[in-house]
Each structure stands twice: as structure tokens, then as C-alpha cells.
Amino acid sequence: AEDIEREVGVVVLDPTSVAFKVAEAIADLGLRHSKVARFARPPVKEIK
């Protein structure tokens, strides 16, 4: 990647490293998915 950066003159990002850093940042921030907009529970059916 460093060879390409020197040859082309632009920054080249390694997608694997970027993905791990994003996952690490999300974990460090304690972000979680919302539990507010879950699917509605089906109505309770009476057993006959």
C-alpha cells in the first residue's frame, strides 16, 4: 500500500484495518442497537 501511495500520490486505506477500527470505536463508545422500534409481538391466542 505504501508503494502505491508513493506512486500515485494519494492516501490508500486498508479496508480490513478501517473495518476493525470502526468496530473498535463502536465498542468503545458503548453503542448498541435500539430496542424501541422492535417488531410488535403477535396477539396472544387463546388455547381452546
N, C-alpha and C. Protein backbone atom coordinates (compact mmCIF):
# COMPACT_ATOMS: atom_id res chain seq x y z
N ALA A 1 0.82 -1.19 0.00
CA ALA A 1 0.00 0.00 0.00
C ALA A 1 0.87 1.26 0.00
N GLU A 2 1.97 1.21 0.74
CA GLU A 2 2.84 2.39 0.79
C GLU A 2 3.48 2.66 -0.57
N ASP A 3 3.78 1.59 -1.31
CA ASP A 3 4.35 1.77 -2.66
C ASP A 3 3.35 2.47 -3.57
N ILE A 4 2.10 2.07 -3.48
CA ILE A 4 1.05 2.67 -4.31
C ILE A 4 0.86 4.13 -3.93
N GLU A 5 0.88 4.42 -2.62
CA GLU A 5 0.73 5.80 -2.16
C GLU A 5 1.82 6.69 -2.77
N ARG A 6 3.04 6.20 -2.74
CA ARG A 6 4.15 6.99 -3.29
C ARG A 6 4.01 7.17 -4.80
N GLU A 7 3.60 6.10 -5.47
CA GLU A 7 3.50 6.14 -6.93
C GLU A 7 2.36 7.04 -7.41
N VAL A 8 1.20 6.93 -6.75
CA VAL A 8 0.01 7.66 -7.19
C VAL A 8 -0.08 9.04 -6.54
N GLY A 9 0.43 9.15 -5.33
CA GLY A 9 0.39 10.43 -4.64
C GLY A 9 -0.87 10.68 -3.84
N VAL A 10 -1.60 9.61 -3.52
CA VAL A 10 -2.80 9.73 -2.68
C VAL A 10 -2.72 8.70 -1.55
N VAL A 11 -3.49 8.95 -0.50
CA VAL A 11 -3.52 8.04 0.63
C VAL A 11 -4.34 6.81 0.26
N VAL A 12 -3.81 5.63 0.59
CA VAL A 12 -4.51 4.37 0.34
C VAL A 12 -4.87 3.77 1.68
N LEU A 13 -6.16 3.49 1.89
CA LEU A 13 -6.63 2.92 3.15
C LEU A 13 -6.83 1.42 3.00
N ASP A 14 -6.36 0.67 3.99
CA ASP A 14 -6.56 -0.78 4.01
C ASP A 14 -7.95 -1.05 4.57
N PRO A 15 -8.86 -1.63 3.78
CA PRO A 15 -10.24 -1.82 4.24
C PRO A 15 -10.36 -2.68 5.49
N THR A 16 -9.47 -3.66 5.65
CA THR A 16 -9.53 -4.51 6.84
C THR A 16 -9.21 -3.71 8.09
N SER A 17 -8.15 -2.91 8.03
CA SER A 17 -7.78 -2.08 9.19
C SER A 17 -8.87 -1.08 9.52
N VAL A 18 -9.45 -0.47 8.50
CA VAL A 18 -10.52 0.51 8.71
C VAL A 18 -11.72 -0.15 9.37
N ALA A 19 -12.11 -1.34 8.91
CA ALA A 19 -13.26 -2.04 9.48
C ALA A 19 -13.02 -2.37 10.95
N PHE A 20 -11.83 -2.83 11.28
CA PHE A 20 -11.52 -3.15 12.68
C PHE A 20 -11.53 -1.89 13.55
N LYS A 21 -11.01 -0.80 13.04
CA LYS A 21 -11.00 0.45 13.82
C LYS A 21 -12.42 0.97 14.05
N VAL A 22 -13.29 0.87 13.05
CA VAL A 22 -14.68 1.30 13.21
C VAL A 22 -15.37 0.43 14.25
N ALA A 23 -15.18 -0.89 14.18
CA ALA A 23 -15.78 -1.80 15.16
C ALA A 23 -15.25 -1.50 16.56
N GLU A 24 -13.97 -1.22 16.66
CA GLU A 24 -13.36 -0.89 17.94
C GLU A 24 -13.95 0.40 18.51
N ALA A 25 -14.15 1.40 17.67
CA ALA A 25 -14.72 2.68 18.11
C ALA A 25 -16.15 2.49 18.58
N ILE A 26 -16.93 1.70 17.86
CA ILE A 26 -18.32 1.44 18.26
C ILE A 26 -18.36 0.75 19.61
N ALA A 27 -17.48 -0.23 19.81
CA ALA A 27 -17.43 -0.94 21.09
C ALA A 27 -16.99 -0.01 22.22
N ASP A 28 -15.99 0.83 21.96
CA ASP A 28 -15.50 1.77 22.98
C ASP A 28 -16.58 2.78 23.38
N LEU A 29 -17.40 3.19 22.42
CA LEU A 29 -18.46 4.17 22.70
C LEU A 29 -19.66 3.52 23.38
N GLY A 30 -19.71 2.20 23.37
CA GLY A 30 -20.83 1.50 24.00
C GLY A 30 -22.11 1.59 23.20
N LEU A 31 -21.99 1.79 21.88
CA LEU A 31 -23.19 1.91 21.05
C LEU A 31 -23.89 0.57 20.92
N ARG A 32 -25.19 0.59 20.96
CA ARG A 32 -26.00 -0.62 20.83
C ARG A 32 -27.16 -0.30 19.90
N HIS A 33 -27.79 -1.34 19.36
CA HIS A 33 -28.95 -1.11 18.51
C HIS A 33 -30.16 -0.75 19.38
N SER A 34 -31.08 -0.01 18.81
CA SER A 34 -32.25 0.44 19.54
C SER A 34 -33.20 -0.71 19.79
N LYS A 35 -33.76 -0.76 20.99
CA LYS A 35 -34.75 -1.77 21.31
C LYS A 35 -36.16 -1.18 21.28
N VAL A 36 -36.27 0.11 20.92
CA VAL A 36 -37.55 0.79 20.91
C VAL A 36 -38.40 0.37 19.72
N ALA A 37 -37.81 0.27 18.55
CA ALA A 37 -38.58 0.01 17.33
C ALA A 37 -38.53 -1.45 16.91
N ARG A 38 -38.65 -2.34 17.89
CA ARG A 38 -38.66 -3.76 17.55
C ARG A 38 -39.97 -4.13 16.91
N PHE A 39 -40.02 -5.33 16.37
CA PHE A 39 -41.27 -5.82 15.81
C PHE A 39 -42.30 -5.99 16.92
N ALA A 40 -43.55 -5.70 16.61
CA ALA A 40 -44.62 -5.86 17.60
C ALA A 40 -44.84 -7.34 17.87
N ARG A 41 -45.15 -7.64 19.11
CA ARG A 41 -45.45 -9.04 19.45
C ARG A 41 -46.80 -9.41 18.87
N PRO A 42 -46.95 -10.65 18.42
CA PRO A 42 -48.25 -11.06 17.91
C PRO A 42 -49.27 -11.14 19.05
N PRO A 43 -50.55 -10.96 18.74
CA PRO A 43 -51.55 -11.03 19.79
C PRO A 43 -51.58 -12.44 20.41
N VAL A 44 -51.88 -12.47 21.70
CA VAL A 44 -51.95 -13.75 22.41
C VAL A 44 -53.21 -14.48 21.97
N LYS A 45 -53.03 -15.73 21.55
CA LYS A 45 -54.18 -16.53 21.12
C LYS A 45 -54.63 -17.41 22.27
N GLU A 46 -55.91 -17.49 22.44
CA GLU A 46 -56.47 -18.32 23.49
C GLU A 46 -56.45 -19.78 23.04
N ILE A 47 -55.95 -20.65 23.89
CA ILE A 47 -55.91 -22.08 23.57
C ILE A 47 -57.27 -22.68 23.91
N LYS A 48 -57.87 -23.37 22.93
CA LYS A 48 -59.19 -23.95 23.15
C LYS A 48 -59.11 -25.44 23.31
